[in-house]
PDB file of N, CA and C in Angstrom:
ATOM      1  N   GLU A   1    -129.511  71.075  -6.531  1.00  0.00           N
ATOM      2  CA  GLU A   1    -129.622  72.092  -7.452  1.00  0.00           C
ATOM      3  C   GLU A   1    -129.532  73.230  -7.052  1.00  0.00           C
ATOM      4  N   ASP A   2    -128.355  74.338  -7.967  1.00  0.00           N
ATOM      5  CA  ASP A   2    -128.150  75.663  -7.483  1.00  0.00           C
ATOM      6  C   ASP A   2    -129.041  76.466  -8.314  1.00  0.00           C
ATOM      7  N   ALA A   3    -129.150  77.680  -8.296  1.00  0.00           N
ATOM      8  CA  ALA A   3    -129.770  78.916  -9.033  1.00  0.00           C
ATOM      9  C   ALA A   3    -129.672  78.811 -10.239  1.00  0.00           C
ATOM     10  N   GLY A   4    -128.837  78.616 -10.767  1.00  0.00           N
ATOM     11  CA  GLY A   4    -128.681  78.053 -12.214  1.00  0.00           C
ATOM     12  C   GLY A   4    -129.166  76.817 -12.867  1.00  0.00           C
ATOM     13  N   GLY A   5    -129.837  76.265 -11.887  1.00  0.00           N
ATOM     14  CA  GLY A   5    -130.309  74.895 -12.463  1.00  0.00           C
ATOM     15  C   GLY A   5    -129.263  73.494 -12.781  1.00  0.00           C
ATOM     16  N   ARG A   6    -128.046  74.054 -11.908  1.00  0.00           N
ATOM     17  CA  ARG A   6    -126.508  72.624 -12.015  1.00  0.00           C
ATOM     18  C   ARG A   6    -126.949  72.045 -11.163  1.00  0.00           C
ATOM     19  N   GLN A   7    -126.799  70.769 -10.987  1.00  0.00           N
ATOM     20  CA  GLN A   7    -126.748  69.457 -10.414  1.00  0.00           C
ATOM     21  C   GLN A   7    -125.623  69.242  -9.554  1.00  0.00           C
ATOM     22  N   MET A   8    -125.310  68.940  -7.935  1.00  0.00           N
ATOM     23  CA  MET A   8    -124.004  68.475  -8.638  1.00  0.00           C
ATOM     24  C   MET A   8    -124.202  67.246  -7.152  1.00  0.00           C
ATOM     25  N   GLU A   9    -123.360  66.567  -6.904  1.00  0.00           N
ATOM     26  CA  GLU A   9    -123.086  65.527  -6.225  1.00  0.00           C
ATOM     27  C   GLU A   9    -122.602  65.954  -4.937  1.00  0.00           C
ATOM     28  N   ALA A  10    -123.105  65.428  -3.837  1.00  0.00           N
ATOM     29  CA  ALA A  10    -122.709  65.725  -2.332  1.00  0.00           C
ATOM     30  C   ALA A  10    -123.122  64.702  -1.347  1.00  0.00           C
ATOM     31  N   VAL A  11    -121.894  64.947  -0.601  1.00  0.00           N
ATOM     32  CA  VAL A  11    -121.852  63.833   0.596  1.00  0.00           C
ATOM     33  C   VAL A  11    -122.502  64.656   1.924  1.00  0.00           C
ATOM     34  N   TYR A  12    -123.129  64.164   3.159  1.00  0.00           N
ATOM     35  CA  TYR A  12    -122.903  64.720   4.513  1.00  0.00           C
ATOM     36  C   TYR A  12    -123.095  63.876   5.291  1.00  0.00           C
ATOM     37  N   PHE A  13    -122.536  63.659   6.408  1.00  0.00           N
ATOM     38  CA  PHE A  13    -122.334  63.085   7.415  1.00  0.00           C
ATOM     39  C   PHE A  13    -122.933  62.996   8.470  1.00  0.00           C
ATOM     40  N   GLY A  14    -123.523  64.267   8.635  1.00  0.00           N
ATOM     41  CA  GLY A  14    -124.581  64.634   9.693  1.00  0.00           C
ATOM     42  C   GLY A  14    -125.937  63.821   9.535  1.00  0.00           C
ATOM     43  N   ASP A  15    -127.138  64.661  10.555  1.00  0.00           N
ATOM     44  CA  ASP A  15    -128.541  64.448  10.394  1.00  0.00           C
ATOM     45  C   ASP A  15    -128.964  64.382   9.010  1.00  0.00           C
ATOM     46  N   VAL A  16    -129.254  63.317   8.539  1.00  0.00           N
ATOM     47  CA  VAL A  16    -129.548  63.781   7.032  1.00  0.00           C
ATOM     48  C   VAL A  16    -131.262  63.642   6.846  1.00  0.00           C
ATOM     49  N   GLY A  17    -131.493  63.273   7.668  1.00  0.00           N
ATOM     50  CA  GLY A  17    -133.247  62.932   7.890  1.00  0.00           C
ATOM     51  C   GLY A  17    -133.468  64.847   8.250  1.00  0.00           C
ATOM     52  N   ASP A  18    -133.122  65.405   9.189  1.00  0.00           N
ATOM     53  CA  ASP A  18    -133.003  66.885   9.444  1.00  0.00           C
ATOM     54  C   ASP A  18    -132.794  67.571   8.228  1.00  0.00           C
ATOM     55  N   CYS A  19    -131.340  67.111   7.575  1.00  0.00           N
ATOM     56  CA  CYS A  19    -131.062  68.447   6.606  1.00  0.00           C
ATOM     57  C   CYS A  19    -132.054  67.947   5.585  1.00  0.00           C
ATOM     58  N   LEU A  20    -132.478  67.060   5.216  1.00  0.00           N
ATOM     59  CA  LEU A  20    -133.823  66.891   3.735  1.00  0.00           C
ATOM     60  C   LEU A  20    -135.312  67.475   4.521  1.00  0.00           C
ATOM     61  N   ARG A  21    -135.224  67.049   5.622  1.00  0.00           N
ATOM     62  CA  ARG A  21    -136.388  67.661   5.977  1.00  0.00           C
ATOM     63  C   ARG A  21    -136.973  69.927   5.938  1.00  0.00           C
ATOM     64  N   LYS A  22    -135.389  70.155   6.693  1.00  0.00           N
ATOM     65  CA  LYS A  22    -135.500  71.485   6.052  1.00  0.00           C
ATOM     66  C   LYS A  22    -135.177  71.710   4.298  1.00  0.00           C
ATOM     67  N   MET A  23    -134.836  70.761   3.704  1.00  0.00           N
ATOM     68  CA  MET A  23    -134.639  71.404   2.042  1.00  0.00           C
ATOM     69  C   MET A  23    -136.097  71.336   1.847  1.00  0.00           C
ATOM     70  N   GLU A  24    -136.544  70.645   2.168  1.00  0.00           N
ATOM     71  CA  GLU A  24    -138.125  70.979   1.986  1.00  0.00           C
ATOM     72  C   GLU A  24    -138.873  71.856   2.255  1.00  0.00           C
ATOM     73  N   GLU A  25    -138.804  72.136   3.545  1.00  0.00           N
ATOM     74  CA  GLU A  25    -139.698  73.498   4.180  1.00  0.00           C
ATOM     75  C   GLU A  25    -139.152  74.494   3.292  1.00  0.00           C
ATOM     76  N   LYS A  26    -137.803  74.626   2.987  1.00  0.00           N
ATOM     77  CA  LYS A  26    -137.001  76.321   2.547  1.00  0.00           C
ATOM     78  C   LYS A  26    -137.342  76.285   1.027  1.00  0.00           C
ATOM     79  N   LYS A  27    -137.072  77.080   0.411  1.00  0.00           N
ATOM     80  CA  LYS A  27    -136.818  77.565  -1.103  1.00  0.00           C
ATOM     81  C   LYS A  27    -135.249  77.707  -0.913  1.00  0.00           C
ATOM     82  N   VAL A  28    -134.615  78.499  -0.442  1.00  0.00           N
ATOM     83  CA  VAL A  28    -133.423  79.081  -0.851  1.00  0.00           C
ATOM     84  C   VAL A  28    -132.477  78.429   0.674  1.00  0.00           C
ATOM     85  N   MET A  29    -131.554  77.066   0.628  1.00  0.00           N
ATOM     86  CA  MET A  29    -130.485  77.337   1.711  1.00  0.00           C
ATOM     87  C   MET A  29    -128.784  77.371   1.621  1.00  0.00           C
ATOM     88  N   SER A  30    -128.850  77.879   2.280  1.00  0.00           N
ATOM     89  CA  SER A  30    -126.835  77.501   2.436  1.00  0.00           C
ATOM     90  C   SER A  30    -126.420  76.567   2.883  1.00  0.00           C
ATOM     91  N   PHE A  31    -124.853  76.287   2.206  1.00  0.00           N
ATOM     92  CA  PHE A  31    -124.160  75.719   2.560  1.00  0.00           C
ATOM     93  C   PHE A  31    -122.963  75.839   2.768  1.00  0.00           C
ATOM     94  N   THR A  32    -121.927  75.233   3.837  1.00  0.00           N
ATOM     95  CA  THR A  32    -120.439  74.788   3.563  1.00  0.00           C
ATOM     96  C   THR A  32    -119.901  73.680   3.191  1.00  0.00           C
ATOM     97  N   TYR A  33    -118.909  73.458   2.684  1.00  0.00           N
ATOM     98  CA  TYR A  33    -118.811  72.445   1.681  1.00  0.00           C
ATOM     99  C   TYR A  33    -117.303  72.591   1.705  1.00  0.00           C
ATOM    100  N   TYR A  34    -116.845  71.839   1.078  1.00  0.00           N
ATOM    101  CA  TYR A  34    -115.079  71.684   0.447  1.00  0.00           C
ATOM    102  C   TYR A  34    -115.370  70.532  -0.558  1.00  0.00           C
ATOM    103  N   PRO A  35    -114.737  70.916  -1.747  1.00  0.00           N
ATOM    104  CA  PRO A  35    -114.627  69.907  -2.992  1.00  0.00           C
ATOM    105  C   PRO A  35    -114.150  68.393  -2.647  1.00  0.00           C
ATOM    106  N   SER A  36    -114.020  67.587  -2.861  1.00  0.00           N
ATOM    107  CA  SER A  36    -113.405  66.484  -2.838  1.00  0.00           C
ATOM    108  C   SER A  36    -113.712  65.212  -4.117  1.00  0.00           C
ATOM    109  N   ILE A  37    -112.460  64.499  -4.341  1.00  0.00           N
ATOM    110  CA  ILE A  37    -112.406  63.569  -5.392  1.00  0.00           C
ATOM    111  C   ILE A  37    -113.008  62.350  -5.019  1.00  0.00           C
ATOM    112  N   ASN A  38    -114.210  61.400  -5.345  1.00  0.00           N
ATOM    113  CA  ASN A  38    -114.633  60.178  -5.402  1.00  0.00           C
ATOM    114  C   ASN A  38    -114.290  59.396  -6.274  1.00  0.00           C
ATOM    115  N   GLU A  39    -113.622  58.695  -6.113  1.00  0.00           N
ATOM    116  CA  GLU A  39    -113.127  57.440  -6.902  1.00  0.00           C
ATOM    117  C   GLU A  39    -113.899  55.757  -6.146  1.00  0.00           C
ATOM    118  N   TYR A  40    -114.197  55.747  -7.386  1.00  0.00           N
ATOM    119  CA  TYR A  40    -115.248  53.946  -7.535  1.00  0.00           C
ATOM    120  C   TYR A  40    -114.831  53.676  -8.871  1.00  0.00           C
ATOM    121  N   MET A  41    -114.403  52.208  -8.665  1.00  0.00           N
ATOM    122  CA  MET A  41    -114.052  51.565 -10.000  1.00  0.00           C
ATOM    123  C   MET A  41    -113.455  52.160 -10.918  1.00  0.00           C
ATOM    124  N   GLY A  42    -112.331  52.675 -10.548  1.00  0.00           N
ATOM    125  CA  GLY A  42    -111.469  53.607 -11.550  1.00  0.00           C
ATOM    126  C   GLY A  42    -112.215  54.953 -12.046  1.00  0.00           C
ATOM    127  N   ARG A  43    -113.241  54.911 -11.778  1.00  0.00           N
ATOM    128  CA  ARG A  43    -114.094  56.440 -12.220  1.00  0.00           C
ATOM    129  C   ARG A  43    -113.874  57.663 -10.960  1.00  0.00           C
ATOM    130  N   ARG A  44    -113.471  58.893 -11.509  1.00  0.00           N
ATOM    131  CA  ARG A  44    -113.031  59.660 -10.990  1.00  0.00           C
ATOM    132  C   ARG A  44    -113.920  60.442 -11.090  1.00  0.00           C
ATOM    133  N   THR A  45    -115.058  61.310  -9.794  1.00  0.00           N
ATOM    134  CA  THR A  45    -116.063  62.644  -9.520  1.00  0.00           C
ATOM    135  C   THR A  45    -115.892  63.274  -9.126  1.00  0.00           C
ATOM    136  N   LEU A  46    -116.119  64.584  -9.103  1.00  0.00           N
ATOM    137  CA  LEU A  46    -116.024  65.637  -8.549  1.00  0.00           C
ATOM    138  C   LEU A  46    -117.054  65.592  -7.672  1.00  0.00           C
ATOM    139  N   GLN A  47    -117.249  65.843  -6.234  1.00  0.00           N
ATOM    140  CA  GLN A  47    -117.794  65.402  -5.141  1.00  0.00           C
ATOM    141  C   GLN A  47    -118.100  66.692  -3.888  1.00  0.00           C
ATOM    142  N   LEU A  48    -119.174  66.964  -3.392  1.00  0.00           N
ATOM    143  CA  LEU A  48    -118.650  67.853  -2.232  1.00  0.00           C
ATOM    144  C   LEU A  48    -119.423  67.533  -1.287  1.00  0.00           C
ATOM    145  N   THR A  49    -118.188  67.683  -0.260  1.00  0.00           N
ATOM    146  CA  THR A  49    -118.611  67.548   1.485  1.00  0.00           C
ATOM    147  C   THR A  49    -119.271  68.351   1.906  1.00  0.00           C
ATOM    148  N   ILE A  50    -120.248  68.282   2.202  1.00  0.00           N
ATOM    149  CA  ILE A  50    -121.376  69.541   3.113  1.00  0.00           C
ATOM    150  C   ILE A  50    -120.891  69.222   4.305  1.00  0.00           C
ATOM    151  N   VAL A  51    -120.341  70.408   5.110  1.00  0.00           N
ATOM    152  CA  VAL A  51    -119.455  70.301   6.455  1.00  0.00           C
ATOM    153  C   VAL A  51    -120.836  70.833   7.615  1.00  0.00           C
ATOM    154  N   ASN A  52    -121.778  71.970   6.620  1.00  0.00           N
ATOM    155  CA  ASN A  52    -123.087  72.989   7.992  1.00  0.00           C
ATOM    156  C   ASN A  52    -123.602  73.226   6.895  1.00  0.00           C
ATOM    157  N   TYR A  53    -125.124  73.538   7.242  1.00  0.00           N
ATOM    158  CA  TYR A  53    -126.030  73.816   6.220  1.00  0.00           C
ATOM    159  C   TYR A  53    -127.273  74.968   7.542  1.00  0.00           C
ATOM    160  N   GLN A  54    -127.797  75.708   6.468  1.00  0.00           N
ATOM    161  CA  GLN A  54    -128.883  76.336   7.611  1.00  0.00           C
ATOM    162  C   GLN A  54    -129.663  77.105   6.199  1.00  0.00           C
TER     163      GLN A  54
END
């Protein structure tokens, strides 16, 4: 959820456990990402692919 309260779908292929722990510890985080299209069963949605975080 961003500062404006909007939620976005995202995927991350790194150490998800570490990322989730840091998200619980911090109030604000920065992410590097690129937009992608997720297509599943004929449905297409915008999805963010997370590259890095801090």
